[in-house]
Amino acid sequence: MNVLHFINAFFSDGAHWHGYDGIPTRLREHVQYSVLALAVAAAIALPLGLLTGHTGRGGNILASIATAARALPSFGLLVLMFVLLGFGLLPVMIPLVVLAVPPILVTTYEAVRSVDPSPVDAARGMGMAESRILLRVELPVALPLILSGLRSAAIQIVSTATIAAYVSLGGVGRYIVDGLYQRNYEKVVGGATLVAVMALATLAVFWAVARIAVSPGVRRSG
């Protein structure tokens, strides 16, 4: 049996579309985990990246933090958090947030640092406050690159949120974990396909956000 047959069998089975283990329920759970992890990571990384990028201080520290965080295995961290904290959402959120912070933090820093200094100097010459320079001058120009960091983090979260199933939570990873345990490869392939589709949907969402949020002049200059 080939992969396409497994995919067709999984999605054509009406039992997979209803109940607590149905595709709509598992997708909703997966999206909830992913959005929450991305929101927490963005709340931590965006302010730090914007501030350090604007001041030009802390770049080496950011690089060290990003390198250390990327070296942490998400599944190993999940197991450690599960041992320390027990069942619940928190042991899943910690490795997902740790995974997502480095690309957002480093990309935001680099985005602000790469802004042409001429308009920044002109704004300072006009007496504009530093906070306004950051929000009115630097942020609009840096936004495309910042969004690329958020997009990268979001895709990593969506792909890795399947680990929630290993500590008895839901999400699309439930199909992969249960399928492997039951030797039901139809479920495994179906779950993997759903993860791939969600990653593509994430790309589409960020493309749409960029089209709306980034000014046409910045898009053309990029």
C-alpha atoms as a PDB file:
ATOM      1  CA  MET A   1       0.000   0.000   0.000  1.00  0.00           C
ATOM      2  CA  ASN A   2       1.465   3.367  -0.976  1.00  0.00           C
ATOM      3  CA  VAL A   3       1.291   6.657   0.852  1.00  0.00           C
ATOM      4  CA  LEU A   4      -1.479   8.064  -1.358  1.00  0.00           C
ATOM      5  CA  HIS A   5      -3.635   5.070  -0.529  1.00  0.00           C
ATOM      6  CA  PHE A   6      -3.113   5.659   3.200  1.00  0.00           C
ATOM      7  CA  ILE A   7      -3.990   9.343   2.796  1.00  0.00           C
ATOM      8  CA  ASN A   8      -7.144   8.562   0.834  1.00  0.00           C
ATOM      9  CA  ALA A   9      -8.216   5.883   3.315  1.00  0.00           C
ATOM     10  CA  PHE A  10      -7.678   8.187   6.287  1.00  0.00           C
ATOM     11  CA  PHE A  11      -9.567  11.197   4.954  1.00  0.00           C
ATOM     12  CA  SER A  12     -12.384   9.193   3.365  1.00  0.00           C
ATOM     13  CA  ASP A  13     -13.194   7.423   6.636  1.00  0.00           C
ATOM     14  CA  GLY A  14     -16.209   9.229   8.096  1.00  0.00           C
ATOM     15  CA  ALA A  15     -15.242   8.131  11.611  1.00  0.00           C
ATOM     16  CA  HIS A  16     -12.234  10.463  11.456  1.00  0.00           C
ATOM     17  CA  TRP A  17     -14.466  13.517  11.047  1.00  0.00           C
ATOM     18  CA  HIS A  18     -16.607  13.214  14.174  1.00  0.00           C
ATOM     19  CA  GLY A  19     -16.239  13.002  17.939  1.00  0.00           C
ATOM     20  CA  TYR A  20     -13.438  13.839  20.349  1.00  0.00           C
ATOM     21  CA  ASP A  21     -10.875  12.145  18.098  1.00  0.00           C
ATOM     22  CA  GLY A  22     -12.211  13.694  14.887  1.00  0.00           C
ATOM     23  CA  ILE A  23     -10.075  15.797  12.571  1.00  0.00           C
ATOM     24  CA  PRO A  24     -11.872  19.109  13.363  1.00  0.00           C
ATOM     25  CA  THR A  25     -11.319  18.586  17.112  1.00  0.00           C
ATOM     26  CA  ARG A  26      -7.665  17.625  16.729  1.00  0.00           C
ATOM     27  CA  LEU A  27      -7.007  20.545  14.369  1.00  0.00           C
ATOM     28  CA  ARG A  28      -8.616  22.975  16.809  1.00  0.00           C
ATOM     29  CA  GLU A  29      -6.467  21.660  19.667  1.00  0.00           C
ATOM     30  CA  HIS A  30      -3.311  21.861  17.557  1.00  0.00           C
ATOM     31  CA  VAL A  31      -4.080  25.429  16.498  1.00  0.00           C
ATOM     32  CA  GLN A  32      -4.742  26.415  20.121  1.00  0.00           C
ATOM     33  CA  TYR A  33      -1.388  25.036  21.288  1.00  0.00           C
ATOM     34  CA  SER A  34       0.426  26.664  18.370  1.00  0.00           C
ATOM     35  CA  VAL A  35      -1.175  30.099  18.699  1.00  0.00           C
ATOM     36  CA  LEU A  36      -0.616  30.181  22.460  1.00  0.00           C
ATOM     37  CA  ALA A  37       3.049  29.193  22.142  1.00  0.00           C
ATOM     38  CA  LEU A  38       3.644  31.747  19.362  1.00  0.00           C
ATOM     39  CA  ALA A  39       1.925  34.499  21.349  1.00  0.00           C
ATOM     40  CA  VAL A  40       4.038  33.824  24.448  1.00  0.00           C
ATOM     41  CA  ALA A  41       7.256  33.608  22.409  1.00  0.00           C
ATOM     42  CA  ALA A  42       6.430  36.851  20.567  1.00  0.00           C
ATOM     43  CA  ALA A  43       5.616  38.622  23.840  1.00  0.00           C
ATOM     44  CA  ILE A  44       9.076  37.684  25.115  1.00  0.00           C
ATOM     45  CA  ALA A  45      11.186  38.043  21.980  1.00  0.00           C
ATOM     46  CA  LEU A  46       9.708  41.015  20.099  1.00  0.00           C
ATOM     47  CA  PRO A  47      10.258  43.666  22.801  1.00  0.00           C
ATOM     48  CA  LEU A  48      13.785  42.390  23.484  1.00  0.00           C
ATOM     49  CA  GLY A  49      14.635  42.272  19.792  1.00  0.00           C
ATOM     50  CA  LEU A  50      13.241  45.742  19.120  1.00  0.00           C
ATOM     51  CA  LEU A  51      14.996  47.290  22.119  1.00  0.00           C
ATOM     52  CA  THR A  52      18.396  45.709  21.492  1.00  0.00           C
ATOM     53  CA  GLY A  53      18.133  46.397  17.771  1.00  0.00           C
ATOM     54  CA  HIS A  54      17.334  50.042  18.381  1.00  0.00           C
ATOM     55  CA  THR A  55      20.105  50.588  20.932  1.00  0.00           C
ATOM     56  CA  GLY A  56      22.633  48.337  19.192  1.00  0.00           C
ATOM     57  CA  ARG A  57      23.527  46.746  22.515  1.00  0.00           C
ATOM     58  CA  GLY A  58      23.299  43.094  23.456  1.00  0.00           C
ATOM     59  CA  GLY A  59      23.802  41.570  20.016  1.00  0.00           C
ATOM     60  CA  ASN A  60      26.447  39.108  21.228  1.00  0.00           C
ATOM     61  CA  ILE A  61      24.265  38.074  24.153  1.00  0.00           C
ATOM     62  CA  LEU A  62      21.319  37.486  21.816  1.00  0.00           C
ATOM     63  CA  ALA A  63      23.449  35.306  19.567  1.00  0.00           C
ATOM     64  CA  SER A  64      24.597  33.252  22.554  1.00  0.00           C
ATOM     65  CA  ILE A  65      21.059  32.820  23.852  1.00  0.00           C
ATOM     66  CA  ALA A  66      19.775  31.818  20.411  1.00  0.00           C
ATOM     67  CA  THR A  67      22.570  29.283  19.926  1.00  0.00           C
ATOM     68  CA  ALA A  68      21.976  27.747  23.353  1.00  0.00           C
ATOM     69  CA  ALA A  69      18.198  27.574  22.888  1.00  0.00           C
ATOM     70  CA  ARG A  70      18.482  26.003  19.437  1.00  0.00           C
ATOM     71  CA  ALA A  71      20.761  23.324  20.862  1.00  0.00           C
ATOM     72  CA  LEU A  72      18.061  22.146  23.281  1.00  0.00           C
ATOM     73  CA  PRO A  73      16.134  19.118  21.961  1.00  0.00           C
ATOM     74  CA  SER A  74      12.407  19.857  22.168  1.00  0.00           C
ATOM     75  CA  PHE A  75      11.429  16.285  23.007  1.00  0.00           C
ATOM     76  CA  GLY A  76      14.106  15.986  25.681  1.00  0.00           C
ATOM     77  CA  LEU A  77      12.964  19.268  27.220  1.00  0.00           C
ATOM     78  CA  LEU A  78       9.355  18.031  27.097  1.00  0.00           C
ATOM     79  CA  VAL A  79      10.300  14.887  29.030  1.00  0.00           C
ATOM     80  CA  LEU A  80      12.204  16.940  31.611  1.00  0.00           C
ATOM     81  CA  MET A  81       9.293  19.360  32.071  1.00  0.00           C
ATOM     82  CA  PHE A  82       6.878  16.453  32.348  1.00  0.00           C
ATOM     83  CA  VAL A  83       8.986  14.879  35.090  1.00  0.00           C
ATOM     84  CA  LEU A  84       9.241  18.181  36.958  1.00  0.00           C
ATOM     85  CA  LEU A  85       5.727  19.549  36.403  1.00  0.00           C
ATOM     86  CA  GLY A  86       3.567  16.510  35.685  1.00  0.00           C
ATOM     87  CA  PHE A  87       0.626  16.422  33.307  1.00  0.00           C
ATOM     88  CA  GLY A  88      -0.801  19.605  31.840  1.00  0.00           C
ATOM     89  CA  LEU A  89      -0.322  22.230  29.175  1.00  0.00           C
ATOM     90  CA  LEU A  90       2.691  23.942  30.771  1.00  0.00           C
ATOM     91  CA  PRO A  91       5.196  21.110  30.104  1.00  0.00           C
ATOM     92  CA  VAL A  92       4.246  21.341  26.411  1.00  0.00           C
ATOM     93  CA  MET A  93       4.319  25.135  26.194  1.00  0.00           C
ATOM     94  CA  ILE A  94       7.826  25.497  27.622  1.00  0.00           C
ATOM     95  CA  PRO A  95       9.680  23.562  24.875  1.00  0.00           C
ATOM     96  CA  LEU A  96       7.534  25.157  22.154  1.00  0.00           C
ATOM     97  CA  VAL A  97       8.252  28.670  23.451  1.00  0.00           C
ATOM     98  CA  VAL A  98      11.960  27.876  23.845  1.00  0.00           C
ATOM     99  CA  LEU A  99      11.950  26.668  20.239  1.00  0.00           C
ATOM    100  CA  ALA A 100      10.209  29.800  18.925  1.00  0.00           C
ATOM    101  CA  VAL A 101      11.995  32.573  20.822  1.00  0.00           C
ATOM    102  CA  PRO A 102      15.409  32.431  19.039  1.00  0.00           C
ATOM    103  CA  PRO A 103      14.222  33.008  15.435  1.00  0.00           C
ATOM    104  CA  ILE A 104      11.919  35.841  16.522  1.00  0.00           C
ATOM    105  CA  LEU A 105      14.524  37.446  18.776  1.00  0.00           C
ATOM    106  CA  VAL A 106      17.473  37.288  16.398  1.00  0.00           C
ATOM    107  CA  THR A 107      15.478  38.234  13.288  1.00  0.00           C
ATOM    108  CA  THR A 108      13.868  41.210  15.021  1.00  0.00           C
ATOM    109  CA  TYR A 109      17.255  42.431  16.204  1.00  0.00           C
ATOM    110  CA  GLU A 110      18.780  42.086  12.740  1.00  0.00           C
ATOM    111  CA  ALA A 111      15.741  43.694  11.104  1.00  0.00           C
ATOM    112  CA  VAL A 112      16.008  46.853  13.200  1.00  0.00           C
ATOM    113  CA  ARG A 113      19.789  47.009  12.872  1.00  0.00           C
ATOM    114  CA  SER A 114      19.539  46.792   9.079  1.00  0.00           C
ATOM    115  CA  VAL A 115      17.333  49.889   8.768  1.00  0.00           C
ATOM    116  CA  ASP A 116      18.992  52.711   6.803  1.00  0.00           C
ATOM    117  CA  PRO A 117      20.448  55.091   9.436  1.00  0.00           C
ATOM    118  CA  SER A 118      19.744  58.235   7.392  1.00  0.00           C
ATOM    119  CA  PRO A 119      16.025  58.609   8.271  1.00  0.00           C
ATOM    120  CA  VAL A 120      16.804  57.607  11.855  1.00  0.00           C
ATOM    121  CA  ASP A 121      19.403  60.350  12.155  1.00  0.00           C
ATOM    122  CA  ALA A 122      17.002  62.817  10.528  1.00  0.00           C
ATOM    123  CA  ALA A 123      14.297  61.912  13.041  1.00  0.00           C
ATOM    124  CA  ARG A 124      16.709  62.449  15.922  1.00  0.00           C
ATOM    125  CA  GLY A 125      17.722  65.777  14.422  1.00  0.00           C
ATOM    126  CA  MET A 126      14.068  66.829  14.461  1.00  0.00           C
ATOM    127  CA  GLY A 127      13.919  66.047  18.200  1.00  0.00           C
ATOM    128  CA  MET A 128      11.774  62.933  17.906  1.00  0.00           C
ATOM    129  CA  ALA A 129      11.736  60.738  21.031  1.00  0.00           C
ATOM    130  CA  GLU A 130      13.587  57.419  20.826  1.00  0.00           C
ATOM    131  CA  SER A 131      10.399  55.424  21.330  1.00  0.00           C
ATOM    132  CA  ARG A 132       8.737  57.236  18.428  1.00  0.00           C
ATOM    133  CA  ILE A 133      11.798  56.728  16.237  1.00  0.00           C
ATOM    134  CA  LEU A 134      11.584  52.992  16.911  1.00  0.00           C
ATOM    135  CA  LEU A 135       7.837  52.739  16.287  1.00  0.00           C
ATOM    136  CA  ARG A 136       7.419  55.309  13.512  1.00  0.00           C
ATOM    137  CA  VAL A 137      10.688  55.063  11.557  1.00  0.00           C
ATOM    138  CA  GLU A 138      12.455  51.759  12.204  1.00  0.00           C
ATOM    139  CA  LEU A 139       9.568  49.351  12.794  1.00  0.00           C
ATOM    140  CA  PRO A 140       7.703  49.954   9.492  1.00  0.00           C
ATOM    141  CA  VAL A 141      10.899  49.364   7.497  1.00  0.00           C
ATOM    142  CA  ALA A 142      11.935  46.348   9.577  1.00  0.00           C
ATOM    143  CA  LEU A 143       8.461  44.780   9.549  1.00  0.00           C
ATOM    144  CA  PRO A 144       8.951  42.417   6.548  1.00  0.00           C
ATOM    145  CA  LEU A 145      11.983  40.790   8.134  1.00  0.00           C
ATOM    146  CA  ILE A 146      10.301  40.674  11.549  1.00  0.00           C
ATOM    147  CA  LEU A 147       7.337  38.884  10.002  1.00  0.00           C
ATOM    148  CA  SER A 148       9.708  36.384   8.398  1.00  0.00           C
ATOM    149  CA  GLY A 149      11.056  35.555  11.865  1.00  0.00           C
ATOM    150  CA  LEU A 150       7.536  35.124  13.217  1.00  0.00           C
ATOM    151  CA  ARG A 151       6.674  32.954  10.216  1.00  0.00           C
ATOM    152  CA  SER A 152       9.696  30.737  10.775  1.00  0.00           C
ATOM    153  CA  ALA A 153       8.846  30.365  14.466  1.00  0.00           C
ATOM    154  CA  ALA A 154       5.199  29.601  13.685  1.00  0.00           C
ATOM    155  CA  ILE A 155       6.090  26.840  11.230  1.00  0.00           C
ATOM    156  CA  GLN A 156       8.495  25.290  13.724  1.00  0.00           C
ATOM    157  CA  ILE A 157       5.810  25.373  16.407  1.00  0.00           C
ATOM    158  CA  VAL A 158       3.151  23.850  14.158  1.00  0.00           C
ATOM    159  CA  SER A 159       5.527  21.063  13.165  1.00  0.00           C
ATOM    160  CA  THR A 160       6.713  20.391  16.718  1.00  0.00           C
ATOM    161  CA  ALA A 161       3.380  20.731  18.591  1.00  0.00           C
ATOM    162  CA  THR A 162       2.803  17.068  17.792  1.00  0.00           C
ATOM    163  CA  ILE A 163       4.869  16.336  20.927  1.00  0.00           C
ATOM    164  CA  ALA A 164       1.812  17.310  23.002  1.00  0.00           C
ATOM    165  CA  ALA A 165       0.426  13.857  22.282  1.00  0.00           C
ATOM    166  CA  TYR A 166       3.340  12.233  24.110  1.00  0.00           C
ATOM    167  CA  VAL A 167       2.066  13.643  27.424  1.00  0.00           C
ATOM    168  CA  SER A 168      -1.540  12.654  26.762  1.00  0.00           C
ATOM    169  CA  LEU A 169      -2.724  15.964  25.313  1.00  0.00           C
ATOM    170  CA  GLY A 170      -4.511  16.300  21.981  1.00  0.00           C
ATOM    171  CA  GLY A 171      -3.691  17.870  18.662  1.00  0.00           C
ATOM    172  CA  VAL A 172      -2.822  16.301  15.347  1.00  0.00           C
ATOM    173  CA  GLY A 173       0.097  14.490  16.976  1.00  0.00           C
ATOM    174  CA  ARG A 174      -2.479  12.220  18.584  1.00  0.00           C
ATOM    175  CA  TYR A 175      -2.922  10.438  15.247  1.00  0.00           C
ATOM    176  CA  ILE A 176       0.826   9.921  14.852  1.00  0.00           C
ATOM    177  CA  VAL A 177       1.436   8.666  18.388  1.00  0.00           C
ATOM    178  CA  ASP A 178      -1.662   6.478  18.544  1.00  0.00           C
ATOM    179  CA  GLY A 179      -1.067   5.203  15.028  1.00  0.00           C
ATOM    180  CA  LEU A 180       2.480   4.124  15.848  1.00  0.00           C
ATOM    181  CA  TYR A 181       1.317   2.412  19.050  1.00  0.00           C
ATOM    182  CA  GLN A 182      -1.503   0.608  17.211  1.00  0.00           C
ATOM    183  CA  ARG A 183       0.630  -0.018  14.096  1.00  0.00           C
ATOM    184  CA  ASN A 184      -2.079   1.797  12.187  1.00  0.00           C
ATOM    185  CA  TYR A 185      -0.024   3.471   9.470  1.00  0.00           C
ATOM    186  CA  GLU A 186      -3.136   4.997   7.919  1.00  0.00           C
ATOM    187  CA  LYS A 187      -3.408   7.161  11.047  1.00  0.00           C
ATOM    188  CA  VAL A 188       0.298   7.960  11.066  1.00  0.00           C
ATOM    189  CA  VAL A 189       0.312   9.105   7.449  1.00  0.00           C
ATOM    190  CA  GLY A 190      -2.957  10.996   7.914  1.00  0.00           C
ATOM    191  CA  GLY A 191      -1.565  12.853  10.934  1.00  0.00           C
ATOM    192  CA  ALA A 192       1.664  13.704   9.117  1.00  0.00           C
ATOM    193  CA  THR A 193      -0.361  14.980   6.162  1.00  0.00           C
ATOM    194  CA  LEU A 194      -2.404  17.232   8.443  1.00  0.00           C
ATOM    195  CA  VAL A 195       0.796  18.683   9.915  1.00  0.00           C
ATOM    196  CA  ALA A 196       2.116  19.416   6.420  1.00  0.00           C
ATOM    197  CA  VAL A 197      -1.171  21.061   5.419  1.00  0.00           C
ATOM    198  CA  MET A 198      -1.119  23.211   8.572  1.00  0.00           C
ATOM    199  CA  ALA A 199       2.451  24.311   7.822  1.00  0.00           C
ATOM    200  CA  LEU A 200       1.395  25.379   4.317  1.00  0.00           C
ATOM    201  CA  ALA A 201      -1.639  27.166   5.779  1.00  0.00           C
ATOM    202  CA  THR A 202       0.690  29.004   8.157  1.00  0.00           C
ATOM    203  CA  LEU A 203       2.769  30.204   5.209  1.00  0.00           C
ATOM    204  CA  ALA A 204      -0.405  31.447   3.517  1.00  0.00           C
ATOM    205  CA  VAL A 205      -1.545  33.299   6.639  1.00  0.00           C
ATOM    206  CA  PHE A 206       1.767  35.134   7.018  1.00  0.00           C
ATOM    207  CA  TRP A 207       1.824  35.961   3.312  1.00  0.00           C
ATOM    208  CA  ALA A 208      -1.614  37.561   3.718  1.00  0.00           C
ATOM    209  CA  VAL A 209      -0.546  39.414   6.877  1.00  0.00           C
ATOM    210  CA  ALA A 210       2.522  40.781   5.087  1.00  0.00           C
ATOM    211  CA  ARG A 211       0.378  41.980   2.171  1.00  0.00           C
ATOM    212  CA  ILE A 212      -1.874  43.848   4.596  1.00  0.00           C
ATOM    213  CA  ALA A 213       0.606  45.104   7.210  1.00  0.00           C
ATOM    214  CA  VAL A 214       3.657  46.040   5.119  1.00  0.00           C
ATOM    215  CA  SER A 215       3.360  49.279   3.185  1.00  0.00           C
ATOM    216  CA  PRO A 216       3.632  49.000  -0.628  1.00  0.00           C
ATOM    217  CA  GLY A 217       6.703  51.250  -0.671  1.00  0.00           C
ATOM    218  CA  VAL A 218       8.584  48.970   1.736  1.00  0.00           C
ATOM    219  CA  ARG A 219       7.543  45.866  -0.266  1.00  0.00           C
ATOM    220  CA  ARG A 220       8.827  47.406  -3.502  1.00  0.00           C
ATOM    221  CA  SER A 221      12.120  48.498  -1.966  1.00  0.00           C
ATOM    222  CA  GLY A 222      12.575  44.996  -0.542  1.00  0.00           C
END
